[in-house]
Amino acid sequence: AFWGQDSDKKTTPFDLNREFRVSFDKEFVGKAALIKQKSEGIQKRFIQFLLEDHDIDRDPWPWSGEPIYRNGEFCGYVTSTAYGFTLGKQLCLVYV
């Protein structure tokens, strides 16, 4: 994840699936806000998409900011992309 592109000062460990990196046994700035976020429910998650049917020679490459739809409803957006040479496919980092 890149600061400013994939995350910013409003991004929390819960958004990034990194809550295991936070010790709630200690006091820290923002602890109450994280506990509140957890109790109210996580609104977005940072995940990786593998584009299975993407033809790198014919299809436009995603860049950043593209919307993601599931069953016709907006559910997230692309933050960054790269070509996975080992996988031979386009990869996207997204919030859903």
PDB file of N, CA and C in Angstrom:
ATOM      1  N   ALA A   1       0.841  -1.176   0.000  1.00  0.00           N
ATOM      2  CA  ALA A   1       0.000   0.000   0.000  1.00  0.00           C
ATOM      3  C   ALA A   1       0.888   1.240   0.000  1.00  0.00           C
ATOM      4  N   PHE A   2       0.531   2.201  -0.810  1.00  0.00           N
ATOM      5  CA  PHE A   2       1.301   3.441  -0.917  1.00  0.00           C
ATOM      6  C   PHE A   2       0.582   4.568  -0.198  1.00  0.00           C
ATOM      7  N   TRP A   3       1.310   5.305   0.640  1.00  0.00           N
ATOM      8  CA  TRP A   3       0.747   6.448   1.337  1.00  0.00           C
ATOM      9  C   TRP A   3       0.334   7.502   0.313  1.00  0.00           C
ATOM     10  N   GLY A   4      -0.884   7.987   0.440  1.00  0.00           N
ATOM     11  CA  GLY A   4      -1.379   9.020  -0.459  1.00  0.00           C
ATOM     12  C   GLY A   4      -2.110   8.464  -1.661  1.00  0.00           C
ATOM     13  N   GLN A   5      -1.793   7.265  -2.048  1.00  0.00           N
ATOM     14  CA  GLN A   5      -2.470   6.643  -3.185  1.00  0.00           C
ATOM     15  C   GLN A   5      -3.422   5.553  -2.696  1.00  0.00           C
ATOM     16  N   ASP A   6      -2.916   4.679  -1.844  1.00  0.00           N
ATOM     17  CA  ASP A   6      -3.728   3.590  -1.312  1.00  0.00           C
ATOM     18  C   ASP A   6      -4.227   3.871   0.103  1.00  0.00           C
ATOM     19  N   SER A   7      -3.534   4.729   0.816  1.00  0.00           N
ATOM     20  CA  SER A   7      -3.934   5.055   2.184  1.00  0.00           C
ATOM     21  C   SER A   7      -3.597   6.510   2.494  1.00  0.00           C
ATOM     22  N   ASP A   8      -4.258   7.026   3.515  1.00  0.00           N
ATOM     23  CA  ASP A   8      -4.006   8.401   3.949  1.00  0.00           C
ATOM     24  C   ASP A   8      -4.239   8.493   5.451  1.00  0.00           C
ATOM     25  N   LYS A   9      -4.305   9.693   5.982  1.00  0.00           N
ATOM     26  CA  LYS A   9      -4.427   9.868   7.427  1.00  0.00           C
ATOM     27  C   LYS A   9      -5.774   9.397   7.973  1.00  0.00           C
ATOM     28  N   LYS A  10      -6.750   9.161   7.113  1.00  0.00           N
ATOM     29  CA  LYS A  10      -8.056   8.667   7.551  1.00  0.00           C
ATOM     30  C   LYS A  10      -8.156   7.143   7.482  1.00  0.00           C
ATOM     31  N   THR A  11      -7.169   6.492   6.906  1.00  0.00           N
ATOM     32  CA  THR A  11      -7.166   5.041   6.764  1.00  0.00           C
ATOM     33  C   THR A  11      -6.765   4.404   8.089  1.00  0.00           C
ATOM     34  N   THR A  12      -7.505   3.396   8.496  1.00  0.00           N
ATOM     35  CA  THR A  12      -7.215   2.727   9.768  1.00  0.00           C
ATOM     36  C   THR A  12      -6.681   1.317   9.528  1.00  0.00           C
ATOM     37  N   PRO A  13      -6.116   0.706  10.564  1.00  0.00           N
ATOM     38  CA  PRO A  13      -5.675  -0.688  10.425  1.00  0.00           C
ATOM     39  C   PRO A  13      -6.819  -1.629  10.040  1.00  0.00           C
ATOM     40  N   PHE A  14      -8.044  -1.321  10.461  1.00  0.00           N
ATOM     41  CA  PHE A  14      -9.190  -2.157  10.082  1.00  0.00           C
ATOM     42  C   PHE A  14      -9.455  -2.075   8.581  1.00  0.00           C
ATOM     43  N   ASP A  15      -9.330  -0.887   8.009  1.00  0.00           N
ATOM     44  CA  ASP A  15      -9.523  -0.713   6.566  1.00  0.00           C
ATOM     45  C   ASP A  15      -8.514  -1.537   5.775  1.00  0.00           C
ATOM     46  N   LEU A  16      -7.295  -1.640   6.308  1.00  0.00           N
ATOM     47  CA  LEU A  16      -6.199  -2.316   5.609  1.00  0.00           C
ATOM     48  C   LEU A  16      -6.055  -3.791   5.981  1.00  0.00           C
ATOM     49  N   ASN A  17      -6.992  -4.317   6.765  1.00  0.00           N
ATOM     50  CA  ASN A  17      -6.900  -5.708   7.243  1.00  0.00           C
ATOM     51  C   ASN A  17      -5.635  -5.932   8.059  1.00  0.00           C
ATOM     52  N   ARG A  18      -5.242  -4.938   8.843  1.00  0.00           N
ATOM     53  CA  ARG A  18      -4.020  -5.031   9.643  1.00  0.00           C
ATOM     54  C   ARG A  18      -4.295  -4.815  11.130  1.00  0.00           C
ATOM     55  N   GLU A  19      -5.510  -5.092  11.562  1.00  0.00           N
ATOM     56  CA  GLU A  19      -5.828  -4.892  12.973  1.00  0.00           C
ATOM     57  C   GLU A  19      -4.985  -5.774  13.891  1.00  0.00           C
ATOM     58  N   PHE A  20      -4.478  -6.895  13.365  1.00  0.00           N
ATOM     59  CA  PHE A  20      -3.616  -7.770  14.167  1.00  0.00           C
ATOM     60  C   PHE A  20      -2.305  -7.085  14.539  1.00  0.00           C
ATOM     61  N   ARG A  21      -1.964  -5.991  13.887  1.00  0.00           N
ATOM     62  CA  ARG A  21      -0.736  -5.244  14.177  1.00  0.00           C
ATOM     63  C   ARG A  21      -0.911  -4.261  15.337  1.00  0.00           C
ATOM     64  N   VAL A  22      -2.145  -4.126  15.826  1.00  0.00           N
ATOM     65  CA  VAL A  22      -2.434  -3.154  16.881  1.00  0.00           C
ATOM     66  C   VAL A  22      -2.635  -3.890  18.203  1.00  0.00           C
ATOM     67  N   SER A  23      -1.940  -3.445  19.234  1.00  0.00           N
ATOM     68  CA  SER A  23      -2.104  -4.003  20.571  1.00  0.00           C
ATOM     69  C   SER A  23      -3.111  -3.151  21.336  1.00  0.00           C
ATOM     70  N   PHE A  24      -4.299  -3.678  21.534  1.00  0.00           N
ATOM     71  CA  PHE A  24      -5.322  -2.952  22.270  1.00  0.00           C
ATOM     72  C   PHE A  24      -5.129  -3.073  23.780  1.00  0.00           C
ATOM     73  N   ASP A  25      -4.096  -3.805  24.202  1.00  0.00           N
ATOM     74  CA  ASP A  25      -3.770  -3.924  25.625  1.00  0.00           C
ATOM     75  C   ASP A  25      -3.096  -2.666  26.154  1.00  0.00           C
ATOM     76  N   LYS A  26      -2.605  -1.828  25.263  1.00  0.00           N
ATOM     77  CA  LYS A  26      -1.892  -0.606  25.636  1.00  0.00           C
ATOM     78  C   LYS A  26      -2.739   0.611  25.285  1.00  0.00           C
ATOM     79  N   GLU A  27      -2.413   1.735  25.911  1.00  0.00           N
ATOM     80  CA  GLU A  27      -3.052   3.003  25.567  1.00  0.00           C
ATOM     81  C   GLU A  27      -2.289   3.647  24.413  1.00  0.00           C
ATOM     82  N   PHE A  28      -3.009   4.269  23.479  1.00  0.00           N
ATOM     83  CA  PHE A  28      -2.387   4.990  22.373  1.00  0.00           C
ATOM     84  C   PHE A  28      -3.379   5.991  21.806  1.00  0.00           C
ATOM     85  N   VAL A  29      -2.859   6.984  21.129  1.00  0.00           N
ATOM     86  CA  VAL A  29      -3.705   7.994  20.501  1.00  0.00           C
ATOM     87  C   VAL A  29      -4.544   7.316  19.417  1.00  0.00           C
ATOM     88  N   GLY A  30      -5.834   7.511  19.468  1.00  0.00           N
ATOM     89  CA  GLY A  30      -6.723   6.935  18.470  1.00  0.00           C
ATOM     90  C   GLY A  30      -7.359   5.621  18.880  1.00  0.00           C
ATOM     91  N   LYS A  31      -7.013   5.103  20.050  1.00  0.00           N
ATOM     92  CA  LYS A  31      -7.552   3.810  20.488  1.00  0.00           C
ATOM     93  C   LYS A  31      -9.079   3.837  20.570  1.00  0.00           C
ATOM     94  N   ALA A  32      -9.630   4.887  21.175  1.00  0.00           N
ATOM     95  CA  ALA A  32     -11.091   4.982  21.308  1.00  0.00           C
ATOM     96  C   ALA A  32     -11.770   5.011  19.937  1.00  0.00           C
ATOM     97  N   ALA A  33     -11.169   5.718  18.993  1.00  0.00           N
ATOM     98  CA  ALA A  33     -11.743   5.791  17.638  1.00  0.00           C
ATOM     99  C   ALA A  33     -11.723   4.428  16.960  1.00  0.00           C
ATOM    100  N   LEU A  34     -10.654   3.663  17.151  1.00  0.00           N
ATOM    101  CA  LEU A  34     -10.584   2.326  16.551  1.00  0.00           C
ATOM    102  C   LEU A  34     -11.599   1.383  17.187  1.00  0.00           C
ATOM    103  N   ILE A  35     -11.744   1.466  18.499  1.00  0.00           N
ATOM    104  CA  ILE A  35     -12.737   0.627  19.177  1.00  0.00           C
ATOM    105  C   ILE A  35     -14.142   0.981  18.684  1.00  0.00           C
ATOM    106  N   LYS A  36     -14.409   2.264  18.518  1.00  0.00           N
ATOM    107  CA  LYS A  36     -15.710   2.707  17.999  1.00  0.00           C
ATOM    108  C   LYS A  36     -15.929   2.197  16.579  1.00  0.00           C
ATOM    109  N   GLN A  37     -14.901   2.305  15.729  1.00  0.00           N
ATOM    110  CA  GLN A  37     -15.027   1.822  14.353  1.00  0.00           C
ATOM    111  C   GLN A  37     -15.332   0.330  14.333  1.00  0.00           C
ATOM    112  N   LYS A  38     -14.650  -0.424  15.174  1.00  0.00           N
ATOM    113  CA  LYS A  38     -14.876  -1.871  15.208  1.00  0.00           C
ATOM    114  C   LYS A  38     -16.301  -2.191  15.657  1.00  0.00           C
ATOM    115  N   SER A  39     -16.801  -1.466  16.659  1.00  0.00           N
ATOM    116  CA  SER A  39     -18.150  -1.742  17.165  1.00  0.00           C
ATOM    117  C   SER A  39     -19.236  -1.321  16.170  1.00  0.00           C
ATOM    118  N   GLU A  40     -18.975  -0.273  15.391  1.00  0.00           N
ATOM    119  CA  GLU A  40     -19.960   0.205  14.411  1.00  0.00           C
ATOM    120  C   GLU A  40     -19.896  -0.556  13.096  1.00  0.00           C
ATOM    121  N   GLY A  41     -18.823  -1.281  12.883  1.00  0.00           N
ATOM    122  CA  GLY A  41     -18.668  -2.052  11.654  1.00  0.00           C
ATOM    123  C   GLY A  41     -17.708  -1.392  10.682  1.00  0.00           C
ATOM    124  N   ILE A  42     -16.971  -2.204   9.996  1.00  0.00           N
ATOM    125  CA  ILE A  42     -15.976  -1.733   9.041  1.00  0.00           C
ATOM    126  C   ILE A  42     -16.695  -1.360   7.746  1.00  0.00           C
ATOM    127  N   GLN A  43     -16.443  -0.157   7.233  1.00  0.00           N
ATOM    128  CA  GLN A  43     -17.133   0.339   6.042  1.00  0.00           C
ATOM    129  C   GLN A  43     -16.420   0.000   4.740  1.00  0.00           C
ATOM    130  N   LYS A  44     -15.112  -0.221   4.807  1.00  0.00           N
ATOM    131  CA  LYS A  44     -14.374  -0.551   3.584  1.00  0.00           C
ATOM    132  C   LYS A  44     -13.207  -1.465   3.943  1.00  0.00           C
ATOM    133  N   ARG A  45     -12.769  -2.236   2.961  1.00  0.00           N
ATOM    134  CA  ARG A  45     -11.620  -3.128   3.126  1.00  0.00           C
ATOM    135  C   ARG A  45     -10.695  -2.966   1.932  1.00  0.00           C
ATOM    136  N   PHE A  46      -9.416  -3.003   2.219  1.00  0.00           N
ATOM    137  CA  PHE A  46      -8.385  -2.905   1.189  1.00  0.00           C
ATOM    138  C   PHE A  46      -8.008  -4.324   0.786  1.00  0.00           C
ATOM    139  N   ILE A  47      -8.237  -4.663  -0.472  1.00  0.00           N
ATOM    140  CA  ILE A  47      -7.967  -6.021  -0.940  1.00  0.00           C
ATOM    141  C   ILE A  47      -7.287  -5.982  -2.307  1.00  0.00           C
ATOM    142  N   GLN A  48      -6.872  -7.141  -2.753  1.00  0.00           N
ATOM    143  CA  GLN A  48      -6.240  -7.273  -4.071  1.00  0.00           C
ATOM    144  C   GLN A  48      -7.175  -8.038  -4.991  1.00  0.00           C
ATOM    145  N   PHE A  49      -7.358  -7.524  -6.194  1.00  0.00           N
ATOM    146  CA  PHE A  49      -8.124  -8.199  -7.243  1.00  0.00           C
ATOM    147  C   PHE A  49      -7.159  -8.731  -8.291  1.00  0.00           C
ATOM    148  N   LEU A  50      -7.438  -9.906  -8.779  1.00  0.00           N
ATOM    149  CA  LEU A  50      -6.729 -10.475  -9.918  1.00  0.00           C
ATOM    150  C   LEU A  50      -7.710 -10.454 -11.086  1.00  0.00           C
ATOM    151  N   LEU A  51      -7.357  -9.755 -12.161  1.00  0.00           N
ATOM    152  CA  LEU A  51      -8.257  -9.659 -13.312  1.00  0.00           C
ATOM    153  C   LEU A  51      -8.072 -10.883 -14.202  1.00  0.00           C
ATOM    154  N   GLU A  52      -8.980 -11.822 -14.086  1.00  0.00           N
ATOM    155  CA  GLU A  52      -8.888 -13.097 -14.794  1.00  0.00           C
ATOM    156  C   GLU A  52      -9.071 -12.956 -16.303  1.00  0.00           C
ATOM    157  N   ASP A  53     -10.055 -12.173 -16.725  1.00  0.00           N
ATOM    158  CA  ASP A  53     -10.410 -12.097 -18.145  1.00  0.00           C
ATOM    159  C   ASP A  53      -9.841 -10.876 -18.844  1.00  0.00           C
ATOM    160  N   HIS A  54      -8.860 -10.248 -18.260  1.00  0.00           N
ATOM    161  CA  HIS A  54      -8.290  -9.025 -18.826  1.00  0.00           C
ATOM    162  C   HIS A  54      -7.274  -9.387 -19.908  1.00  0.00           C
ATOM    163  N   ASP A  55      -7.484  -8.885 -21.119  1.00  0.00           N
ATOM    164  CA  ASP A  55      -6.541  -9.094 -22.221  1.00  0.00           C
ATOM    165  C   ASP A  55      -5.617  -7.882 -22.274  1.00  0.00           C
ATOM    166  N   ILE A  56      -4.352  -8.063 -21.907  1.00  0.00           N
ATOM    167  CA  ILE A  56      -3.430  -6.922 -21.800  1.00  0.00           C
ATOM    168  C   ILE A  56      -3.157  -6.257 -23.138  1.00  0.00           C
ATOM    169  N   ASP A  57      -3.401  -6.965 -24.232  1.00  0.00           N
ATOM    170  CA  ASP A  57      -3.154  -6.387 -25.554  1.00  0.00           C
ATOM    171  C   ASP A  57      -4.361  -5.629 -26.105  1.00  0.00           C
ATOM    172  N   ARG A  58      -5.568  -5.992 -25.685  1.00  0.00           N
ATOM    173  CA  ARG A  58      -6.772  -5.370 -26.246  1.00  0.00           C
ATOM    174  C   ARG A  58      -7.559  -4.518 -25.262  1.00  0.00           C
ATOM    175  N   ASP A  59      -7.558  -4.884 -23.998  1.00  0.00           N
ATOM    176  CA  ASP A  59      -8.367  -4.169 -23.009  1.00  0.00           C
ATOM    177  C   ASP A  59      -7.594  -2.994 -22.422  1.00  0.00           C
ATOM    178  N   PRO A  60      -8.298  -1.913 -22.096  1.00  0.00           N
ATOM    179  CA  PRO A  60      -7.607  -0.803 -21.427  1.00  0.00           C
ATOM    180  C   PRO A  60      -7.130  -1.246 -20.044  1.00  0.00           C
ATOM    181  N   TRP A  61      -5.962  -0.765 -19.679  1.00  0.00           N
ATOM    182  CA  TRP A  61      -5.412  -1.119 -18.374  1.00  0.00           C
ATOM    183  C   TRP A  61      -6.003  -0.221 -17.302  1.00  0.00           C
ATOM    184  N   PRO A  62      -6.464  -0.804 -16.209  1.00  0.00           N
ATOM    185  CA  PRO A  62      -6.909   0.049 -15.110  1.00  0.00           C
ATOM    186  C   PRO A  62      -5.723   0.844 -14.574  1.00  0.00           C
ATOM    187  N   TRP A  63      -5.991   2.026 -14.072  1.00  0.00           N
ATOM    188  CA  TRP A  63      -4.907   2.892 -13.600  1.00  0.00           C
ATOM    189  C   TRP A  63      -5.113   3.240 -12.137  1.00  0.00           C
ATOM    190  N   SER A  64      -6.196   3.958 -11.870  1.00  0.00           N
ATOM    191  CA  SER A  64      -6.532   4.346 -10.503  1.00  0.00           C
ATOM    192  C   SER A  64      -7.846   5.104 -10.539  1.00  0.00           C
ATOM    193  N   GLY A  65      -8.683   4.863  -9.561  1.00  0.00           N
ATOM    194  CA  GLY A  65      -9.949   5.574  -9.471  1.00  0.00           C
ATOM    195  C   GLY A  65     -11.103   4.912 -10.204  1.00  0.00           C
ATOM    196  N   GLU A  66     -10.849   3.814 -10.908  1.00  0.00           N
ATOM    197  CA  GLU A  66     -11.943   3.143 -11.615  1.00  0.00           C
ATOM    198  C   GLU A  66     -12.943   2.582 -10.598  1.00  0.00           C
ATOM    199  N   PRO A  67     -14.239   2.731 -10.885  1.00  0.00           N
ATOM    200  CA  PRO A  67     -15.249   2.184  -9.979  1.00  0.00           C
ATOM    201  C   PRO A  67     -15.343   0.669 -10.118  1.00  0.00           C
ATOM    202  N   ILE A  68     -15.763   0.021  -9.057  1.00  0.00           N
ATOM    203  CA  ILE A  68     -15.998  -1.423  -9.057  1.00  0.00           C
ATOM    204  C   ILE A  68     -17.478  -1.642  -8.778  1.00  0.00           C
ATOM    205  N   TYR A  69     -18.095  -2.460  -9.615  1.00  0.00           N
ATOM    206  CA  TYR A  69     -19.513  -2.766  -9.462  1.00  0.00           C
ATOM    207  C   TYR A  69     -19.688  -4.256  -9.231  1.00  0.00           C
ATOM    208  N   ARG A  70     -20.640  -4.594  -8.382  1.00  0.00           N
ATOM    209  CA  ARG A  70     -21.011  -5.990  -8.170  1.00  0.00           C
ATOM    210  C   ARG A  70     -22.520  -6.075  -8.313  1.00  0.00           C
ATOM    211  N   ASN A  71     -22.963  -6.923  -9.215  1.00  0.00           N
ATOM    212  CA  ASN A  71     -24.398  -7.060  -9.495  1.00  0.00           C
ATOM    213  C   ASN A  71     -25.040  -5.712  -9.814  1.00  0.00           C
ATOM    214  N   GLY A  72     -24.311  -4.882 -10.557  1.00  0.00           N
ATOM    215  CA  GLY A  72     -24.839  -3.598 -10.990  1.00  0.00           C
ATOM    216  C   GLY A  72     -24.777  -2.488  -9.956  1.00  0.00           C
ATOM    217  N   GLU A  73     -24.255  -2.763  -8.758  1.00  0.00           N
ATOM    218  CA  GLU A  73     -24.176  -1.748  -7.706  1.00  0.00           C
ATOM    219  C   GLU A  73     -22.726  -1.389  -7.422  1.00  0.00           C
ATOM    220  N   PHE A  74     -22.484  -0.096  -7.252  1.00  0.00           N
ATOM    221  CA  PHE A  74     -21.146   0.377  -6.904  1.00  0.00           C
ATOM    222  C   PHE A  74     -20.750  -0.204  -5.552  1.00  0.00           C
ATOM    223  N   CYS A  75     -19.549  -0.769  -5.480  1.00  0.00           N
ATOM    224  CA  CYS A  75     -19.100  -1.349  -4.210  1.00  0.00           C
ATOM    225  C   CYS A  75     -17.670  -0.961  -3.852  1.00  0.00           C
ATOM    226  N   GLY A  76     -16.971  -0.215  -4.707  1.00  0.00           N
ATOM    227  CA  GLY A  76     -15.606   0.168  -4.370  1.00  0.00           C
ATOM    228  C   GLY A  76     -14.900   0.837  -5.527  1.00  0.00           C
ATOM    229  N   TYR A  77     -13.578   1.006  -5.354  1.00  0.00           N
ATOM    230  CA  TYR A  77     -12.786   1.678  -6.383  1.00  0.00           C
ATOM    231  C   TYR A  77     -11.342   1.186  -6.356  1.00  0.00           C
ATOM    232  N   VAL A  78     -10.690   1.311  -7.495  1.00  0.00           N
ATOM    233  CA  VAL A  78      -9.289   0.913  -7.663  1.00  0.00           C
ATOM    234  C   VAL A  78      -8.393   2.025  -7.139  1.00  0.00           C
ATOM    235  N   THR A  79      -7.332   1.646  -6.401  1.00  0.00           N
ATOM    236  CA  THR A  79      -6.361   2.648  -5.948  1.00  0.00           C
ATOM    237  C   THR A  79      -5.068   2.577  -6.743  1.00  0.00           C
ATOM    238  N   SER A  80      -4.638   1.378  -7.103  1.00  0.00           N
ATOM    239  CA  SER A  80      -3.422   1.235  -7.907  1.00  0.00           C
ATOM    240  C   SER A  80      -3.423  -0.135  -8.572  1.00  0.00           C
ATOM    241  N   THR A  81      -2.595  -0.265  -9.601  1.00  0.00           N
ATOM    242  CA  THR A  81      -2.538  -1.516 -10.359  1.00  0.00           C
ATOM    243  C   THR A  81      -1.102  -1.836 -10.747  1.00  0.00           C
ATOM    244  N   ALA A  82      -0.905  -3.074 -11.130  1.00  0.00           N
ATOM    245  CA  ALA A  82       0.395  -3.511 -11.640  1.00  0.00           C
ATOM    246  C   ALA A  82       0.176  -4.809 -12.408  1.00  0.00           C
ATOM    247  N   TYR A  83       1.117  -5.116 -13.261  1.00  0.00           N
ATOM    248  CA  TYR A  83       1.059  -6.385 -13.969  1.00  0.00           C
ATOM    249  C   TYR A  83       1.847  -7.405 -13.165  1.00  0.00           C
ATOM    250  N   GLY A  84       1.227  -8.535 -12.864  1.00  0.00           N
ATOM    251  CA  GLY A  84       1.893  -9.609 -12.125  1.00  0.00           C
ATOM    252  C   GLY A  84       2.570 -10.560 -13.100  1.00  0.00           C
ATOM    253  N   PHE A  85       3.851 -10.381 -13.299  1.00  0.00           N
ATOM    254  CA  PHE A  85       4.568 -11.191 -14.289  1.00  0.00           C
ATOM    255  C   PHE A  85       4.571 -12.671 -13.931  1.00  0.00           C
ATOM    256  N   THR A  86       4.661 -13.000 -12.665  1.00  0.00           N
ATOM    257  CA  THR A  86       4.630 -14.404 -12.257  1.00  0.00           C
ATOM    258  C   THR A  86       3.278 -15.028 -12.566  1.00  0.00           C
ATOM    259  N   LEU A  87       2.214 -14.274 -12.353  1.00  0.00           N
ATOM    260  CA  LEU A  87       0.857 -14.765 -12.602  1.00  0.00           C
ATOM    261  C   LEU A  87       0.421 -14.569 -14.043  1.00  0.00           C
ATOM    262  N   GLY A  88       1.077 -13.642 -14.741  1.00  0.00           N
ATOM    263  CA  GLY A  88       0.694 -13.338 -16.111  1.00  0.00           C
ATOM    264  C   GLY A  88      -0.648 -12.636 -16.203  1.00  0.00           C
ATOM    265  N   LYS A  89      -0.992 -11.867 -15.173  1.00  0.00           N
ATOM    266  CA  LYS A  89      -2.290 -11.191 -15.128  1.00  0.00           C
ATOM    267  C   LYS A  89      -2.153  -9.811 -14.490  1.00  0.00           C
ATOM    268  N   GLN A  90      -3.149  -8.982 -14.755  1.00  0.00           N
ATOM    269  CA  GLN A  90      -3.222  -7.650 -14.166  1.00  0.00           C
ATOM    270  C   GLN A  90      -3.737  -7.765 -12.734  1.00  0.00           C
ATOM    271  N   LEU A  91      -3.096  -7.043 -11.805  1.00  0.00           N
ATOM    272  CA  LEU A  91      -3.502  -7.009 -10.402  1.00  0.00           C
ATOM    273  C   LEU A  91      -3.964  -5.607 -10.046  1.00  0.00           C
ATOM    274  N   CYS A  92      -4.964  -5.512  -9.202  1.00  0.00           N
ATOM    275  CA  CYS A  92      -5.464  -4.213  -8.746  1.00  0.00           C
ATOM    276  C   CYS A  92      -5.563  -4.219  -7.228  1.00  0.00           C
ATOM    277  N   LEU A  93      -5.154  -3.121  -6.613  1.00  0.00           N
ATOM    278  CA  LEU A  93      -5.414  -2.892  -5.199  1.00  0.00           C
ATOM    279  C   LEU A  93      -6.661  -2.029  -5.133  1.00  0.00           C
ATOM    280  N   VAL A  94      -7.627  -2.448  -4.316  1.00  0.00           N
ATOM    281  CA  VAL A  94      -8.933  -1.800  -4.324  1.00  0.00           C
ATOM    282  C   VAL A  94      -9.494  -1.670  -2.910  1.00  0.00           C
ATOM    283  N   TYR A  95     -10.414  -0.736  -2.757  1.00  0.00           N
ATOM    284  CA  TYR A  95     -11.245  -0.653  -1.560  1.00  0.00           C
ATOM    285  C   TYR A  95     -12.642  -1.099  -1.943  1.00  0.00           C
ATOM    286  N   VAL A  96     -13.189  -2.029  -1.171  1.00  0.00           N
ATOM    287  CA  VAL A  96     -14.573  -2.478  -1.362  1.00  0.00           C
ATOM    288  C   VAL A  96     -15.303  -2.391  -0.034  1.00  0.00           C
TER     289      VAL A  96
END
